[in-house]
Amino acid sequence: MATINFILYLLAILASAACMGLLFRGYTTSRIRLLLWGGLSFVFLTANNFLLFFDLVIFPEIDLRPYRLAASLIAVLLLLYAFLWEAE
């Protein structure tokens, strides 16, 4: 079961990092600011998945929940800012 968890958490990190990369690549070609804010949001979602991996798989005795929640809160706030003030 630990091997499956290890693989699933790594896939979550890779998927969010891929989304981040695609959003930044889309921003560099089109200069649509909403893509920039989405990419920045996925930076923190990737950090959240990275911290989740370390929290539950690598160091289960250390509680990284406050850092994970802070990363996801920043990600949601960035998206909220983008949707409210940058949408045309």
N, C-alpha and C. Protein backbone atom coordinates (compact mmCIF):
# COMPACT_ATOMS: atom_id res chain seq x y z
N MET A 1 0.82 -1.20 0.00
CA MET A 1 0.00 0.00 0.00
C MET A 1 0.86 1.26 0.00
N ALA A 2 2.01 1.18 0.64
CA ALA A 2 2.89 2.35 0.70
C ALA A 2 3.43 2.69 -0.67
N THR A 3 3.67 1.68 -1.49
CA THR A 3 4.18 1.93 -2.84
C THR A 3 3.13 2.63 -3.70
N ILE A 4 1.89 2.23 -3.55
CA ILE A 4 0.81 2.87 -4.31
C ILE A 4 0.66 4.32 -3.88
N ASN A 5 0.70 4.59 -2.58
CA ASN A 5 0.62 5.97 -2.09
C ASN A 5 1.78 6.80 -2.61
N PHE A 6 2.97 6.22 -2.60
CA PHE A 6 4.15 6.92 -3.10
C PHE A 6 3.96 7.31 -4.56
N ILE A 7 3.50 6.37 -5.37
CA ILE A 7 3.30 6.64 -6.80
C ILE A 7 2.19 7.65 -7.01
N LEU A 8 1.09 7.55 -6.28
CA LEU A 8 -0.02 8.48 -6.45
C LEU A 8 0.36 9.91 -6.06
N TYR A 9 1.08 10.06 -4.98
CA TYR A 9 1.49 11.41 -4.58
C TYR A 9 2.49 12.00 -5.57
N LEU A 10 3.39 11.17 -6.11
CA LEU A 10 4.31 11.66 -7.13
C LEU A 10 3.57 12.04 -8.41
N LEU A 11 2.56 11.29 -8.78
CA LEU A 11 1.76 11.63 -9.95
C LEU A 11 0.99 12.94 -9.74
N ALA A 12 0.53 13.18 -8.53
CA ALA A 12 -0.15 14.44 -8.24
C ALA A 12 0.80 15.62 -8.37
N ILE A 13 2.03 15.44 -7.90
CA ILE A 13 3.04 16.50 -8.03
C ILE A 13 3.34 16.75 -9.50
N LEU A 14 3.53 15.69 -10.26
CA LEU A 14 3.85 15.83 -11.67
C LEU A 14 2.70 16.45 -12.46
N ALA A 15 1.47 16.09 -12.13
CA ALA A 15 0.32 16.64 -12.84
C ALA A 15 0.17 18.14 -12.57
N SER A 16 0.32 18.54 -11.33
CA SER A 16 0.19 19.97 -11.03
C SER A 16 1.36 20.76 -11.60
N ALA A 17 2.55 20.16 -11.62
CA ALA A 17 3.70 20.83 -12.23
C ALA A 17 3.52 20.95 -13.74
N ALA A 18 2.93 19.94 -14.36
CA ALA A 18 2.66 20.01 -15.80
C ALA A 18 1.64 21.09 -16.11
N CYS A 19 0.59 21.18 -15.31
CA CYS A 19 -0.40 22.25 -15.50
C CYS A 19 0.25 23.62 -15.33
N MET A 20 1.11 23.75 -14.34
CA MET A 20 1.82 25.00 -14.12
C MET A 20 2.66 25.36 -15.35
N GLY A 21 3.40 24.40 -15.86
CA GLY A 21 4.23 24.65 -17.02
C GLY A 21 3.42 25.02 -18.25
N LEU A 22 2.30 24.34 -18.46
CA LEU A 22 1.46 24.64 -19.62
C LEU A 22 0.83 26.04 -19.50
N LEU A 23 0.43 26.41 -18.30
CA LEU A 23 -0.14 27.75 -18.12
C LEU A 23 0.90 28.84 -18.36
N PHE A 24 2.11 28.64 -17.87
CA PHE A 24 3.16 29.63 -18.11
C PHE A 24 3.56 29.68 -19.58
N ARG A 25 3.58 28.53 -20.24
CA ARG A 25 3.89 28.52 -21.67
C ARG A 25 2.79 29.24 -22.46
N GLY A 26 1.54 29.02 -22.07
CA GLY A 26 0.45 29.73 -22.72
C GLY A 26 0.52 31.22 -22.49
N TYR A 27 0.96 31.61 -21.30
CA TYR A 27 1.10 33.04 -21.02
C TYR A 27 2.20 33.67 -21.86
N THR A 28 3.32 32.96 -22.03
CA THR A 28 4.42 33.55 -22.79
C THR A 28 4.07 33.72 -24.27
N THR A 29 3.18 32.89 -24.79
CA THR A 29 2.82 33.04 -26.20
C THR A 29 1.69 34.03 -26.42
N SER A 30 0.75 34.12 -25.48
CA SER A 30 -0.43 34.96 -25.71
C SER A 30 -0.49 36.23 -24.87
N ARG A 31 0.27 36.28 -23.79
CA ARG A 31 0.28 37.43 -22.85
C ARG A 31 -1.10 37.72 -22.25
N ILE A 32 -1.88 36.67 -22.05
CA ILE A 32 -3.16 36.81 -21.35
C ILE A 32 -2.87 36.68 -19.86
N ARG A 33 -3.19 37.74 -19.11
CA ARG A 33 -2.79 37.79 -17.70
C ARG A 33 -3.48 36.73 -16.85
N LEU A 34 -4.65 36.27 -17.26
CA LEU A 34 -5.33 35.24 -16.50
C LEU A 34 -4.53 33.94 -16.49
N LEU A 35 -3.81 33.67 -17.57
CA LEU A 35 -2.92 32.50 -17.61
C LEU A 35 -1.76 32.66 -16.64
N LEU A 36 -1.26 33.87 -16.51
CA LEU A 36 -0.19 34.13 -15.54
C LEU A 36 -0.66 33.86 -14.12
N TRP A 37 -1.83 34.37 -13.78
CA TRP A 37 -2.34 34.16 -12.43
C TRP A 37 -2.66 32.70 -12.17
N GLY A 38 -3.16 32.00 -13.19
CA GLY A 38 -3.39 30.56 -13.05
C GLY A 38 -2.09 29.80 -12.85
N GLY A 39 -1.04 30.20 -13.58
CA GLY A 39 0.27 29.56 -13.41
C GLY A 39 0.84 29.81 -12.03
N LEU A 40 0.70 31.04 -11.54
CA LEU A 40 1.17 31.34 -10.18
C LEU A 40 0.38 30.56 -9.14
N SER A 41 -0.90 30.38 -9.39
CA SER A 41 -1.71 29.58 -8.48
C SER A 41 -1.22 28.14 -8.46
N PHE A 42 -0.88 27.62 -9.64
CA PHE A 42 -0.40 26.24 -9.69
C PHE A 42 1.00 26.08 -9.12
N VAL A 43 1.75 27.15 -9.02
CA VAL A 43 3.02 27.08 -8.30
C VAL A 43 2.75 26.67 -6.84
N PHE A 44 1.77 27.31 -6.24
CA PHE A 44 1.46 27.01 -4.84
C PHE A 44 0.70 25.69 -4.69
N LEU A 45 -0.08 25.30 -5.70
CA LEU A 45 -0.73 23.99 -5.63
C LEU A 45 0.31 22.87 -5.78
N THR A 46 1.33 23.11 -6.59
CA THR A 46 2.42 22.14 -6.69
C THR A 46 3.18 22.05 -5.37
N ALA A 47 3.41 23.21 -4.76
CA ALA A 47 4.06 23.21 -3.44
C ALA A 47 3.20 22.48 -2.42
N ASN A 48 1.88 22.64 -2.51
CA ASN A 48 0.97 21.95 -1.62
C ASN A 48 1.09 20.44 -1.80
N ASN A 49 1.12 19.97 -3.04
CA ASN A 49 1.28 18.53 -3.30
C ASN A 49 2.65 18.03 -2.84
N PHE A 50 3.66 18.85 -3.03
CA PHE A 50 5.00 18.49 -2.58
C PHE A 50 5.04 18.34 -1.06
N LEU A 51 4.42 19.30 -0.36
CA LEU A 51 4.37 19.22 1.10
C LEU A 51 3.52 18.04 1.56
N LEU A 52 2.45 17.74 0.83
CA LEU A 52 1.63 16.58 1.16
C LEU A 52 2.43 15.29 1.03
N PHE A 53 3.24 15.20 -0.01
CA PHE A 53 4.10 14.04 -0.21
C PHE A 53 5.06 13.88 0.96
N PHE A 54 5.70 14.98 1.34
CA PHE A 54 6.64 14.90 2.46
C PHE A 54 5.93 14.66 3.78
N ASP A 55 4.73 15.20 3.93
CA ASP A 55 4.00 15.04 5.18
C ASP A 55 3.52 13.61 5.39
N LEU A 56 2.99 12.98 4.36
CA LEU A 56 2.38 11.66 4.54
C LEU A 56 3.28 10.49 4.17
N VAL A 57 4.27 10.71 3.31
CA VAL A 57 5.08 9.58 2.85
C VAL A 57 6.49 9.60 3.46
N ILE A 58 7.17 10.72 3.36
CA ILE A 58 8.57 10.78 3.77
C ILE A 58 8.71 10.96 5.28
N PHE A 59 8.05 11.98 5.83
CA PHE A 59 8.15 12.29 7.26
C PHE A 59 6.77 12.26 7.90
N PRO A 60 6.19 11.09 8.14
CA PRO A 60 4.83 11.06 8.71
C PRO A 60 4.77 11.54 10.17
N GLU A 61 5.91 11.60 10.84
CA GLU A 61 5.90 12.04 12.24
C GLU A 61 5.89 13.56 12.37
N ILE A 62 6.18 14.28 11.30
CA ILE A 62 6.18 15.75 11.32
C ILE A 62 4.88 16.24 10.69
N ASP A 63 4.20 17.15 11.38
CA ASP A 63 2.94 17.68 10.88
C ASP A 63 3.20 18.93 10.03
N LEU A 64 3.00 18.80 8.72
CA LEU A 64 3.18 19.92 7.81
C LEU A 64 1.85 20.52 7.37
N ARG A 65 0.78 20.19 8.06
CA ARG A 65 -0.55 20.64 7.67
C ARG A 65 -0.68 22.17 7.62
N PRO A 66 -0.14 22.93 8.57
CA PRO A 66 -0.27 24.39 8.46
C PRO A 66 0.39 24.96 7.20
N TYR A 67 1.51 24.39 6.81
CA TYR A 67 2.20 24.86 5.60
C TYR A 67 1.43 24.48 4.34
N ARG A 68 0.85 23.27 4.36
CA ARG A 68 0.02 22.85 3.22
C ARG A 68 -1.20 23.75 3.09
N LEU A 69 -1.84 24.04 4.21
CA LEU A 69 -3.02 24.90 4.17
C LEU A 69 -2.67 26.32 3.73
N ALA A 70 -1.51 26.81 4.15
CA ALA A 70 -1.09 28.15 3.73
C ALA A 70 -0.83 28.18 2.23
N ALA A 71 -0.21 27.14 1.70
CA ALA A 71 0.06 27.09 0.26
C ALA A 71 -1.23 27.03 -0.54
N SER A 72 -2.18 26.24 -0.09
CA SER A 72 -3.45 26.16 -0.83
C SER A 72 -4.26 27.44 -0.68
N LEU A 73 -4.17 28.10 0.47
CA LEU A 73 -4.86 29.38 0.65
C LEU A 73 -4.30 30.44 -0.28
N ILE A 74 -2.99 30.50 -0.41
CA ILE A 74 -2.36 31.47 -1.31
C ILE A 74 -2.78 31.17 -2.75
N ALA A 75 -2.83 29.89 -3.13
CA ALA A 75 -3.24 29.51 -4.48
C ALA A 75 -4.66 29.97 -4.77
N VAL A 76 -5.56 29.75 -3.83
CA VAL A 76 -6.96 30.15 -4.03
C VAL A 76 -7.09 31.67 -4.06
N LEU A 77 -6.34 32.36 -3.21
CA LEU A 77 -6.39 33.83 -3.22
C LEU A 77 -5.86 34.41 -4.52
N LEU A 78 -4.84 33.81 -5.08
CA LEU A 78 -4.33 34.27 -6.38
C LEU A 78 -5.38 34.09 -7.47
N LEU A 79 -6.05 32.95 -7.48
CA LEU A 79 -7.09 32.74 -8.46
C LEU A 79 -8.28 33.67 -8.25
N LEU A 80 -8.63 33.91 -7.00
CA LEU A 80 -9.72 34.83 -6.71
C LEU A 80 -9.38 36.24 -7.18
N TYR A 81 -8.16 36.67 -6.95
CA TYR A 81 -7.73 37.98 -7.44
C TYR A 81 -7.83 38.03 -8.95
N ALA A 82 -7.36 36.98 -9.61
CA ALA A 82 -7.38 36.95 -11.07
C ALA A 82 -8.79 37.00 -11.60
N PHE A 83 -9.68 36.26 -11.00
CA PHE A 83 -11.05 36.22 -11.51
C PHE A 83 -11.80 37.53 -11.25
N LEU A 84 -11.49 38.20 -10.14
CA LEU A 84 -12.23 39.42 -9.82
C LEU A 84 -11.69 40.66 -10.49
N TRP A 85 -10.37 40.79 -10.55
CA TRP A 85 -9.81 42.04 -11.04
C TRP A 85 -9.14 41.97 -12.41
N GLU A 86 -8.80 40.79 -12.86
CA GLU A 86 -8.11 40.69 -14.13
C GLU A 86 -8.99 40.19 -15.27
N ALA A 87 -10.19 39.71 -14.98
CA ALA A 87 -11.07 39.21 -16.03
C ALA A 87 -11.60 40.38 -16.85
N GLU A 88 -11.68 40.17 -18.14
CA GLU A 88 -12.16 41.25 -19.02
C GLU A 88 -13.59 41.00 -19.44
